[in-house]
């Protein structure tokens, strides 16, 4: 793993939205100002086809188009991580496309298949890496019930360099860190609000959907945590907590709508969030979001 990629993974990993036009088709050009704002603010790494990018709502062809568009927008100014997943053939096709689009690494979404075995997961990771022509791999874990041994087995696959930990179980994270090779980068995958907790057990950096709207705040939180200033980090998080609270509502179904609703208020309409997301925002959600945006000078 290059030192630049390693350092970027310990910073803010911004998850880009996928814009749609009025007809509901992908509108890649609308993503450009979001990328520009994030890079200008100092976001360390950008992710195409993450969950905030509605990965599971896209067709394979749409995901391929979006990773190519994101690669053009980013233009090698910061590393691009490309999300891949679903059925193994789709994951392999998207891994290949992501490499051609200039991805620095692949992020493998944990398969939601109801029949998943630990050794099958290892083979899945290996097959994706082969299709990605050896690009470094970041594992995206949303379900830690697979156990520490299974996590260790995946981390031992050649080319795995990092884990995006997205479960609210810091002690399981601590156990996984202890069980896996020292060169794995463990990134908090539950955005800013969980970052201090994950830092406390050994994680570095965090993922963020806020960067689509307010990247400066995300970078400031990361800077505080990297400096060991937990008091400052908590204060900065308190100032954006309502944004994440809204996104967590309706079983997480307001995650993307919260971001797209904020972008609409900023005059950067990126279209609706596709079903089964909670779109449009409820009256209460929209009122709280508008207050947050106004209070922080974002609109």
C-alpha atoms as a PDB file:
ATOM      1  CA  UNK A   1       0.000   0.000   0.000  1.00  0.00           C
ATOM      2  CA  UNK A   2       1.343   3.384  -0.912  1.00  0.00           C
ATOM      3  CA  UNK A   3       1.965   5.797   1.939  1.00  0.00           C
ATOM      4  CA  UNK A   4      -0.352   8.351   0.270  1.00  0.00           C
ATOM      5  CA  UNK A   5      -3.266   5.915   0.177  1.00  0.00           C
ATOM      6  CA  UNK A   6      -2.553   4.791   3.741  1.00  0.00           C
ATOM      7  CA  UNK A   7      -2.590   8.393   4.969  1.00  0.00           C
ATOM      8  CA  UNK A   8      -5.764   9.194   3.046  1.00  0.00           C
ATOM      9  CA  UNK A   9      -7.597   6.276   4.648  1.00  0.00           C
ATOM     10  CA  UNK A  10      -6.874   7.751   8.081  1.00  0.00           C
ATOM     11  CA  UNK A  11      -8.588  10.980   7.069  1.00  0.00           C
ATOM     12  CA  UNK A  12     -12.111  11.763   5.865  1.00  0.00           C
ATOM     13  CA  UNK A  13     -13.523   9.283   3.358  1.00  0.00           C
ATOM     14  CA  UNK A  14     -16.265  11.191   1.590  1.00  0.00           C
ATOM     15  CA  UNK A  15     -19.124   9.157   0.121  1.00  0.00           C
ATOM     16  CA  UNK A  16     -20.473  10.887  -2.976  1.00  0.00           C
ATOM     17  CA  UNK A  17     -24.170  11.042  -3.801  1.00  0.00           C
ATOM     18  CA  UNK A  18     -25.455   9.839  -7.152  1.00  0.00           C
ATOM     19  CA  UNK A  19     -27.450  12.650  -8.787  1.00  0.00           C
ATOM     20  CA  UNK A  20     -30.602  11.970 -10.802  1.00  0.00           C
ATOM     21  CA  UNK A  21     -32.454  14.220 -13.226  1.00  0.00           C
ATOM     22  CA  UNK A  22     -36.182  14.962 -13.209  1.00  0.00           C
ATOM     23  CA  UNK A  23     -36.876  11.750 -15.119  1.00  0.00           C
ATOM     24  CA  UNK A  24     -35.005   9.709 -12.516  1.00  0.00           C
ATOM     25  CA  UNK A  25     -32.015   8.964 -14.735  1.00  0.00           C
ATOM     26  CA  UNK A  26     -28.447   9.370 -13.502  1.00  0.00           C
ATOM     27  CA  UNK A  27     -27.097  12.893 -14.051  1.00  0.00           C
ATOM     28  CA  UNK A  28     -23.327  12.556 -13.493  1.00  0.00           C
ATOM     29  CA  UNK A  29     -22.481  16.192 -14.296  1.00  0.00           C
ATOM     30  CA  UNK A  30     -24.430  17.337 -11.219  1.00  0.00           C
ATOM     31  CA  UNK A  31     -21.839  15.614  -9.050  1.00  0.00           C
ATOM     32  CA  UNK A  32     -19.007  17.876 -10.179  1.00  0.00           C
ATOM     33  CA  UNK A  33     -19.643  20.839  -7.807  1.00  0.00           C
ATOM     34  CA  UNK A  34     -19.877  18.409  -4.888  1.00  0.00           C
ATOM     35  CA  UNK A  35     -16.474  16.967  -5.753  1.00  0.00           C
ATOM     36  CA  UNK A  36     -14.965  20.429  -6.175  1.00  0.00           C
ATOM     37  CA  UNK A  37     -16.287  21.587  -2.805  1.00  0.00           C
ATOM     38  CA  UNK A  38     -14.993  18.476  -1.043  1.00  0.00           C
ATOM     39  CA  UNK A  39     -11.510  18.658  -2.528  1.00  0.00           C
ATOM     40  CA  UNK A  40     -11.219  22.379  -1.858  1.00  0.00           C
ATOM     41  CA  UNK A  41     -12.159  21.765   1.791  1.00  0.00           C
ATOM     42  CA  UNK A  42      -9.428  19.147   2.170  1.00  0.00           C
ATOM     43  CA  UNK A  43     -11.409  15.888   2.138  1.00  0.00           C
ATOM     44  CA  UNK A  44      -8.766  13.182   1.910  1.00  0.00           C
ATOM     45  CA  UNK A  45     -10.430  10.479  -0.170  1.00  0.00           C
ATOM     46  CA  UNK A  46     -13.644  10.218  -2.193  1.00  0.00           C
ATOM     47  CA  UNK A  47     -15.796   7.144  -2.695  1.00  0.00           C
ATOM     48  CA  UNK A  48     -17.941   6.403  -5.724  1.00  0.00           C
ATOM     49  CA  UNK A  49     -20.765   3.853  -5.475  1.00  0.00           C
ATOM     50  CA  UNK A  50     -20.970   3.837  -1.694  1.00  0.00           C
ATOM     51  CA  UNK A  51     -24.232   3.511   0.191  1.00  0.00           C
ATOM     52  CA  UNK A  52     -24.792   7.289   0.207  1.00  0.00           C
ATOM     53  CA  UNK A  53     -24.383   6.935  -3.564  1.00  0.00           C
ATOM     54  CA  UNK A  54     -27.413   4.582  -3.579  1.00  0.00           C
ATOM     55  CA  UNK A  55     -25.281   1.639  -4.663  1.00  0.00           C
ATOM     56  CA  UNK A  56     -28.069  -0.889  -4.246  1.00  0.00           C
ATOM     57  CA  UNK A  57     -30.494   1.316  -6.162  1.00  0.00           C
ATOM     58  CA  UNK A  58     -28.314   1.451  -9.281  1.00  0.00           C
ATOM     59  CA  UNK A  59     -28.117  -0.958 -12.165  1.00  0.00           C
ATOM     60  CA  UNK A  60     -24.692  -2.363 -12.973  1.00  0.00           C
ATOM     61  CA  UNK A  61     -24.505  -0.096 -16.021  1.00  0.00           C
ATOM     62  CA  UNK A  62     -25.392   2.967 -13.944  1.00  0.00           C
ATOM     63  CA  UNK A  63     -22.768   2.107 -11.323  1.00  0.00           C
ATOM     64  CA  UNK A  64     -20.172   1.698 -14.062  1.00  0.00           C
ATOM     65  CA  UNK A  65     -21.123   5.071 -15.536  1.00  0.00           C
ATOM     66  CA  UNK A  66     -20.953   6.773 -12.139  1.00  0.00           C
ATOM     67  CA  UNK A  67     -17.497   5.471 -11.271  1.00  0.00           C
ATOM     68  CA  UNK A  68     -16.193   6.716 -14.616  1.00  0.00           C
ATOM     69  CA  UNK A  69     -17.832  10.103 -14.049  1.00  0.00           C
ATOM     70  CA  UNK A  70     -16.463  10.374 -10.508  1.00  0.00           C
ATOM     71  CA  UNK A  71     -13.006   9.498 -11.790  1.00  0.00           C
ATOM     72  CA  UNK A  72     -13.204  12.320 -14.314  1.00  0.00           C
ATOM     73  CA  UNK A  73     -14.455  14.798 -11.714  1.00  0.00           C
ATOM     74  CA  UNK A  74     -11.761  13.852  -9.187  1.00  0.00           C
ATOM     75  CA  UNK A  75      -9.038  13.750 -11.845  1.00  0.00           C
ATOM     76  CA  UNK A  76      -6.443  12.117  -9.556  1.00  0.00           C
ATOM     77  CA  UNK A  77      -6.410  15.082  -7.163  1.00  0.00           C
ATOM     78  CA  UNK A  78      -7.280  12.781  -4.263  1.00  0.00           C
ATOM     79  CA  UNK A  79      -7.531   8.978  -4.211  1.00  0.00           C
ATOM     80  CA  UNK A  80     -10.819   7.507  -5.385  1.00  0.00           C
ATOM     81  CA  UNK A  81     -12.194   4.381  -3.715  1.00  0.00           C
ATOM     82  CA  UNK A  82     -14.794   2.558  -5.793  1.00  0.00           C
ATOM     83  CA  UNK A  83     -17.559   0.508  -4.240  1.00  0.00           C
ATOM     84  CA  UNK A  84     -18.243  -2.932  -5.716  1.00  0.00           C
ATOM     85  CA  UNK A  85     -20.564  -5.714  -4.651  1.00  0.00           C
ATOM     86  CA  UNK A  86     -23.823  -7.664  -5.071  1.00  0.00           C
ATOM     87  CA  UNK A  87     -23.584 -10.903  -7.102  1.00  0.00           C
ATOM     88  CA  UNK A  88     -20.008 -11.972  -7.745  1.00  0.00           C
ATOM     89  CA  UNK A  89     -20.243 -11.491 -11.515  1.00  0.00           C
ATOM     90  CA  UNK A  90     -21.555  -7.943 -11.092  1.00  0.00           C
ATOM     91  CA  UNK A  91     -18.898  -7.237  -8.465  1.00  0.00           C
ATOM     92  CA  UNK A  92     -16.168  -8.452 -10.808  1.00  0.00           C
ATOM     93  CA  UNK A  93     -17.499  -6.425 -13.749  1.00  0.00           C
ATOM     94  CA  UNK A  94     -17.642  -3.310 -11.579  1.00  0.00           C
ATOM     95  CA  UNK A  95     -14.153  -3.974 -10.208  1.00  0.00           C
ATOM     96  CA  UNK A  96     -12.802  -4.074 -13.747  1.00  0.00           C
ATOM     97  CA  UNK A  97     -14.657  -0.884 -14.705  1.00  0.00           C
ATOM     98  CA  UNK A  98     -13.439   0.855 -11.548  1.00  0.00           C
ATOM     99  CA  UNK A  99      -9.840   0.098 -12.401  1.00  0.00           C
ATOM    100  CA  UNK A 100     -10.301   1.590 -15.853  1.00  0.00           C
ATOM    101  CA  UNK A 101     -11.925   4.640 -14.258  1.00  0.00           C
ATOM    102  CA  UNK A 102      -8.822   5.354 -12.202  1.00  0.00           C
ATOM    103  CA  UNK A 103      -9.782   3.951  -8.809  1.00  0.00           C
ATOM    104  CA  UNK A 104      -6.969   3.804  -6.252  1.00  0.00           C
ATOM    105  CA  UNK A 105      -8.707   1.024  -4.321  1.00  0.00           C
ATOM    106  CA  UNK A 106     -11.880  -1.048  -4.300  1.00  0.00           C
ATOM    107  CA  UNK A 107     -14.349  -1.072  -1.416  1.00  0.00           C
ATOM    108  CA  UNK A 108     -16.186  -4.388  -1.230  1.00  0.00           C
ATOM    109  CA  UNK A 109     -19.720  -4.046   0.112  1.00  0.00           C
ATOM    110  CA  UNK A 110     -20.445  -6.916   2.499  1.00  0.00           C
ATOM    111  CA  UNK A 111     -22.724  -9.303   0.563  1.00  0.00           C
ATOM    112  CA  UNK A 112     -26.344  -9.128   1.811  1.00  0.00           C
ATOM    113  CA  UNK A 113     -26.973 -12.634   0.460  1.00  0.00           C
ATOM    114  CA  UNK A 114     -28.968 -14.694   3.020  1.00  0.00           C
ATOM    115  CA  UNK A 115     -26.623 -17.650   2.524  1.00  0.00           C
ATOM    116  CA  UNK A 116     -23.132 -16.441   3.361  1.00  0.00           C
ATOM    117  CA  UNK A 117     -20.356 -18.625   4.742  1.00  0.00           C
ATOM    118  CA  UNK A 118     -17.090 -17.310   6.204  1.00  0.00           C
ATOM    119  CA  UNK A 119     -15.008 -19.236   3.674  1.00  0.00           C
ATOM    120  CA  UNK A 120     -17.343 -18.101   0.912  1.00  0.00           C
ATOM    121  CA  UNK A 121     -16.655 -14.502   1.904  1.00  0.00           C
ATOM    122  CA  UNK A 122     -12.923 -15.119   1.599  1.00  0.00           C
ATOM    123  CA  UNK A 123     -13.394 -16.516  -1.893  1.00  0.00           C
ATOM    124  CA  UNK A 124     -15.629 -13.566  -2.784  1.00  0.00           C
ATOM    125  CA  UNK A 125     -12.902 -11.098  -1.788  1.00  0.00           C
ATOM    126  CA  UNK A 126     -10.282 -13.076  -3.705  1.00  0.00           C
ATOM    127  CA  UNK A 127     -12.444 -13.183  -6.844  1.00  0.00           C
ATOM    128  CA  UNK A 128     -13.104  -9.447  -6.738  1.00  0.00           C
ATOM    129  CA  UNK A 129      -9.413  -8.692  -6.328  1.00  0.00           C
ATOM    130  CA  UNK A 130      -8.548 -10.885  -9.303  1.00  0.00           C
ATOM    131  CA  UNK A 131     -11.057  -9.001 -11.464  1.00  0.00           C
ATOM    132  CA  UNK A 132      -9.712  -5.692 -10.187  1.00  0.00           C
ATOM    133  CA  UNK A 133      -6.243  -6.574 -11.429  1.00  0.00           C
ATOM    134  CA  UNK A 134      -4.679  -6.343  -8.002  1.00  0.00           C
ATOM    135  CA  UNK A 135      -6.132  -3.023  -6.868  1.00  0.00           C
ATOM    136  CA  UNK A 136      -5.954  -2.641  -3.060  1.00  0.00           C
ATOM    137  CA  UNK A 137      -9.088  -3.737  -1.218  1.00  0.00           C
ATOM    138  CA  UNK A 138     -11.031  -2.086   1.597  1.00  0.00           C
ATOM    139  CA  UNK A 139     -13.633  -4.314   3.273  1.00  0.00           C
ATOM    140  CA  UNK A 140     -16.949  -2.706   4.189  1.00  0.00           C
ATOM    141  CA  UNK A 141     -18.368  -4.505   7.248  1.00  0.00           C
ATOM    142  CA  UNK A 142     -21.945  -3.762   8.274  1.00  0.00           C
ATOM    143  CA  UNK A 143     -22.520  -7.081  10.026  1.00  0.00           C
ATOM    144  CA  UNK A 144     -19.964  -8.231  12.587  1.00  0.00           C
ATOM    145  CA  UNK A 145     -21.873 -11.402  13.530  1.00  0.00           C
ATOM    146  CA  UNK A 146     -19.638 -13.269  11.086  1.00  0.00           C
ATOM    147  CA  UNK A 147     -17.134 -13.262  13.951  1.00  0.00           C
ATOM    148  CA  UNK A 148     -13.562 -12.205  14.506  1.00  0.00           C
ATOM    149  CA  UNK A 149     -12.060 -15.289  12.872  1.00  0.00           C
ATOM    150  CA  UNK A 150     -13.945 -14.671   9.628  1.00  0.00           C
ATOM    151  CA  UNK A 151     -12.895 -11.014   9.660  1.00  0.00           C
ATOM    152  CA  UNK A 152      -9.289 -12.075  10.218  1.00  0.00           C
ATOM    153  CA  UNK A 153      -9.496 -14.554   7.311  1.00  0.00           C
ATOM    154  CA  UNK A 154     -10.691 -11.820   4.958  1.00  0.00           C
ATOM    155  CA  UNK A 155      -8.008  -9.417   6.162  1.00  0.00           C
ATOM    156  CA  UNK A 156      -5.383 -12.051   5.380  1.00  0.00           C
ATOM    157  CA  UNK A 157      -6.386 -12.098   1.706  1.00  0.00           C
ATOM    158  CA  UNK A 158      -3.585 -10.621  -0.364  1.00  0.00           C
ATOM    159  CA  UNK A 159      -4.279  -6.995  -1.215  1.00  0.00           C
ATOM    160  CA  UNK A 160      -6.661  -6.208   1.648  1.00  0.00           C
ATOM    161  CA  UNK A 161      -5.398  -2.967   3.158  1.00  0.00           C
ATOM    162  CA  UNK A 162      -8.283  -1.622   5.187  1.00  0.00           C
ATOM    163  CA  UNK A 163     -11.626  -2.178   6.859  1.00  0.00           C
ATOM    164  CA  UNK A 164     -14.529   0.246   6.960  1.00  0.00           C
ATOM    165  CA  UNK A 165     -16.187  -0.705  10.257  1.00  0.00           C
ATOM    166  CA  UNK A 166     -19.909   0.128  10.162  1.00  0.00           C
ATOM    167  CA  UNK A 167     -21.387  -1.586  13.206  1.00  0.00           C
ATOM    168  CA  UNK A 168     -21.988   0.113  16.584  1.00  0.00           C
ATOM    169  CA  UNK A 169     -19.882  -2.430  18.461  1.00  0.00           C
ATOM    170  CA  UNK A 170     -16.556  -0.854  19.459  1.00  0.00           C
ATOM    171  CA  UNK A 171     -15.426  -3.803  21.567  1.00  0.00           C
ATOM    172  CA  UNK A 172     -15.823  -6.145  18.606  1.00  0.00           C
ATOM    173  CA  UNK A 173     -13.832  -3.638  16.572  1.00  0.00           C
ATOM    174  CA  UNK A 174     -11.118  -3.697  19.217  1.00  0.00           C
ATOM    175  CA  UNK A 175     -11.016  -7.510  19.100  1.00  0.00           C
ATOM    176  CA  UNK A 176     -10.817  -7.521  15.310  1.00  0.00           C
ATOM    177  CA  UNK A 177      -7.978  -4.996  15.290  1.00  0.00           C
ATOM    178  CA  UNK A 178      -6.040  -7.162  17.751  1.00  0.00           C
ATOM    179  CA  UNK A 179      -6.609 -10.309  15.678  1.00  0.00           C
ATOM    180  CA  UNK A 180      -5.616  -8.910  12.291  1.00  0.00           C
ATOM    181  CA  UNK A 181      -2.310  -7.816  10.714  1.00  0.00           C
ATOM    182  CA  UNK A 182      -0.893  -4.541  12.006  1.00  0.00           C
ATOM    183  CA  UNK A 183      -0.825  -2.927   8.566  1.00  0.00           C
ATOM    184  CA  UNK A 184      -4.621  -2.972   8.140  1.00  0.00           C
ATOM    185  CA  UNK A 185      -6.176   0.506   8.345  1.00  0.00           C
ATOM    186  CA  UNK A 186      -9.405   0.485  10.379  1.00  0.00           C
ATOM    187  CA  UNK A 187     -11.746   3.333   9.428  1.00  0.00           C
ATOM    188  CA  UNK A 188     -14.933   4.275  11.246  1.00  0.00           C
ATOM    189  CA  UNK A 189     -17.817   3.556   8.907  1.00  0.00           C
ATOM    190  CA  UNK A 190     -20.636   5.211  10.855  1.00  0.00           C
ATOM    191  CA  UNK A 191     -19.758   8.815  10.043  1.00  0.00           C
ATOM    192  CA  UNK A 192     -18.750  11.626  12.367  1.00  0.00           C
ATOM    193  CA  UNK A 193     -20.894  10.858  15.408  1.00  0.00           C
ATOM    194  CA  UNK A 194     -19.251   7.475  16.044  1.00  0.00           C
ATOM    195  CA  UNK A 195     -15.733   8.577  15.152  1.00  0.00           C
ATOM    196  CA  UNK A 196     -14.515   9.430  18.699  1.00  0.00           C
ATOM    197  CA  UNK A 197     -15.719   6.066  20.008  1.00  0.00           C
ATOM    198  CA  UNK A 198     -13.973   4.162  17.235  1.00  0.00           C
ATOM    199  CA  UNK A 199     -10.812   6.246  17.603  1.00  0.00           C
ATOM    200  CA  UNK A 200     -10.724   5.292  21.274  1.00  0.00           C
ATOM    201  CA  UNK A 201     -10.276   1.605  20.394  1.00  0.00           C
ATOM    202  CA  UNK A 202      -7.802   2.073  17.555  1.00  0.00           C
ATOM    203  CA  UNK A 203      -9.604   3.186  14.391  1.00  0.00           C
ATOM    204  CA  UNK A 204      -8.396   6.124  12.298  1.00  0.00           C
ATOM    205  CA  UNK A 205     -10.434   8.361  10.071  1.00  0.00           C
ATOM    206  CA  UNK A 206     -14.124   8.027   9.246  1.00  0.00           C
ATOM    207  CA  UNK A 207     -16.579   7.975   6.379  1.00  0.00           C
ATOM    208  CA  UNK A 208     -18.845  10.942   5.748  1.00  0.00           C
ATOM    209  CA  UNK A 209     -21.971  11.842   3.824  1.00  0.00           C
ATOM    210  CA  UNK A 210     -21.845  15.338   5.308  1.00  0.00           C
ATOM    211  CA  UNK A 211     -18.997  16.156   2.909  1.00  0.00           C
ATOM    212  CA  UNK A 212     -21.546  16.511   0.117  1.00  0.00           C
ATOM    213  CA  UNK A 213     -22.942  19.508   1.991  1.00  0.00           C
ATOM    214  CA  UNK A 214     -20.471  20.756   4.621  1.00  0.00           C
ATOM    215  CA  UNK A 215     -17.038  19.217   4.019  1.00  0.00           C
ATOM    216  CA  UNK A 216     -15.209  21.809   6.112  1.00  0.00           C
ATOM    217  CA  UNK A 217     -16.890  20.521   9.276  1.00  0.00           C
ATOM    218  CA  UNK A 218     -15.940  16.915   8.512  1.00  0.00           C
ATOM    219  CA  UNK A 219     -12.300  17.879   7.950  1.00  0.00           C
ATOM    220  CA  UNK A 220     -12.251  19.907  11.182  1.00  0.00           C
ATOM    221  CA  UNK A 221     -13.566  16.918  13.157  1.00  0.00           C
ATOM    222  CA  UNK A 222     -10.912  14.656  11.671  1.00  0.00           C
ATOM    223  CA  UNK A 223      -8.183  17.189  12.457  1.00  0.00           C
ATOM    224  CA  UNK A 224      -9.307  17.385  16.079  1.00  0.00           C
ATOM    225  CA  UNK A 225      -9.324  13.598  16.449  1.00  0.00           C
ATOM    226  CA  UNK A 226      -5.939  13.208  14.814  1.00  0.00           C
ATOM    227  CA  UNK A 227      -4.612  15.772  17.292  1.00  0.00           C
ATOM    228  CA  UNK A 228      -6.133  13.846  20.183  1.00  0.00           C
ATOM    229  CA  UNK A 229      -8.462  16.744  21.000  1.00  0.00           C
ATOM    230  CA  UNK A 230     -11.618  14.808  21.849  1.00  0.00           C
ATOM    231  CA  UNK A 231     -13.264  17.809  23.512  1.00  0.00           C
ATOM    232  CA  UNK A 232     -12.991  19.850  20.317  1.00  0.00           C
ATOM    233  CA  UNK A 233     -14.157  16.907  18.219  1.00  0.00           C
ATOM    234  CA  UNK A 234     -17.221  16.394  20.405  1.00  0.00           C
ATOM    235  CA  UNK A 235     -18.085  20.087  20.205  1.00  0.00           C
ATOM    236  CA  UNK A 236     -17.813  20.076  16.427  1.00  0.00           C
ATOM    237  CA  UNK A 237     -19.924  16.907  16.216  1.00  0.00           C
ATOM    238  CA  UNK A 238     -22.587  18.424  18.458  1.00  0.00           C
ATOM    239  CA  UNK A 239     -22.973  21.194  15.890  1.00  0.00           C
ATOM    240  CA  UNK A 240     -23.858  18.733  13.123  1.00  0.00           C
ATOM    241  CA  UNK A 241     -25.556  15.995  15.185  1.00  0.00           C
ATOM    242  CA  UNK A 242     -29.073  16.857  14.001  1.00  0.00           C
ATOM    243  CA  UNK A 243     -28.028  16.190  10.398  1.00  0.00           C
ATOM    244  CA  UNK A 244     -26.991  12.633  11.279  1.00  0.00           C
ATOM    245  CA  UNK A 245     -30.013  12.167  13.533  1.00  0.00           C
ATOM    246  CA  UNK A 246     -32.314  12.898  10.603  1.00  0.00           C
ATOM    247  CA  UNK A 247     -30.384  10.550   8.330  1.00  0.00           C
ATOM    248  CA  UNK A 248     -30.647   7.729  10.884  1.00  0.00           C
ATOM    249  CA  UNK A 249     -34.430   7.904  11.046  1.00  0.00           C
ATOM    250  CA  UNK A 250     -36.831   5.410   9.468  1.00  0.00           C
ATOM    251  CA  UNK A 251     -34.385   2.534   9.985  1.00  0.00           C
ATOM    252  CA  UNK A 252     -31.701   4.486   8.159  1.00  0.00           C
ATOM    253  CA  UNK A 253     -33.967   5.042   5.187  1.00  0.00           C
ATOM    254  CA  UNK A 254     -33.553   8.808   5.506  1.00  0.00           C
ATOM    255  CA  UNK A 255     -29.775   8.540   5.019  1.00  0.00           C
ATOM    256  CA  UNK A 256     -29.626   9.612   1.384  1.00  0.00           C
ATOM    257  CA  UNK A 257     -32.788  11.758   1.528  1.00  0.00           C
ATOM    258  CA  UNK A 258     -31.144  13.815   4.287  1.00  0.00           C
ATOM    259  CA  UNK A 259     -28.196  14.583   2.043  1.00  0.00           C
ATOM    260  CA  UNK A 260     -30.239  15.180  -1.098  1.00  0.00           C
ATOM    261  CA  UNK A 261     -32.701  17.333   0.826  1.00  0.00           C
ATOM    262  CA  UNK A 262     -29.833  19.513   2.050  1.00  0.00           C
ATOM    263  CA  UNK A 263     -28.411  19.812  -1.464  1.00  0.00           C
ATOM    264  CA  UNK A 264     -31.812  20.933  -2.739  1.00  0.00           C
ATOM    265  CA  UNK A 265     -31.863  23.664  -0.102  1.00  0.00           C
ATOM    266  CA  UNK A 266     -28.418  24.770  -1.307  1.00  0.00           C
ATOM    267  CA  UNK A 267     -29.693  25.101  -4.858  1.00  0.00           C
ATOM    268  CA  UNK A 268     -27.911  21.938  -6.030  1.00  0.00           C
ATOM    269  CA  UNK A 269     -30.858  19.658  -6.711  1.00  0.00           C
ATOM    270  CA  UNK A 270     -29.575  16.109  -7.231  1.00  0.00           C
ATOM    271  CA  UNK A 271     -33.010  14.601  -7.667  1.00  0.00           C
ATOM    272  CA  UNK A 272     -35.001  12.182  -5.571  1.00  0.00           C
ATOM    273  CA  UNK A 273     -33.665   9.248  -3.621  1.00  0.00           C
ATOM    274  CA  UNK A 274     -34.872   6.023  -5.207  1.00  0.00           C
ATOM    275  CA  UNK A 275     -37.194   3.620  -3.374  1.00  0.00           C
ATOM    276  CA  UNK A 276     -36.984   2.046  -0.855  1.00  0.00           C
ATOM    277  CA  UNK A 277     -35.423   5.194   0.640  1.00  0.00           C
ATOM    278  CA  UNK A 278     -37.665   7.506   2.712  1.00  0.00           C
ATOM    279  CA  UNK A 279     -38.310  10.089   0.003  1.00  0.00           C
ATOM    280  CA  UNK A 280     -39.459  12.783   0.223  1.00  0.00           C
ATOM    281  CA  UNK A 281     -38.436  13.885   3.688  1.00  0.00           C
ATOM    282  CA  UNK A 282     -41.308  14.268   6.132  1.00  0.00           C
ATOM    283  CA  UNK A 283     -42.444  17.749   7.116  1.00  0.00           C
ATOM    284  CA  UNK A 284     -40.715  17.375  10.479  1.00  0.00           C
ATOM    285  CA  UNK A 285     -37.470  16.178   8.930  1.00  0.00           C
ATOM    286  CA  UNK A 286     -37.473  18.969   6.389  1.00  0.00           C
ATOM    287  CA  UNK A 287     -38.142  21.635   9.024  1.00  0.00           C
ATOM    288  CA  UNK A 288     -35.321  20.402  11.259  1.00  0.00           C
ATOM    289  CA  UNK A 289     -32.976  20.116   8.298  1.00  0.00           C
ATOM    290  CA  UNK A 290     -33.786  23.643   7.118  1.00  0.00           C
ATOM    291  CA  UNK A 291     -33.128  24.984  10.622  1.00  0.00           C
ATOM    292  CA  UNK A 292     -29.776  23.173  10.695  1.00  0.00           C
ATOM    293  CA  UNK A 293     -28.787  24.529   7.302  1.00  0.00           C
ATOM    294  CA  UNK A 294     -29.825  28.089   8.184  1.00  0.00           C
ATOM    295  CA  UNK A 295     -28.192  28.055  11.627  1.00  0.00           C
ATOM    296  CA  UNK A 296     -24.881  26.978  10.136  1.00  0.00           C
ATOM    297  CA  UNK A 297     -24.941  29.446   7.254  1.00  0.00           C
ATOM    298  CA  UNK A 298     -25.232  26.738   4.608  1.00  0.00           C
ATOM    299  CA  UNK A 299     -28.229  28.382   2.958  1.00  0.00           C
END
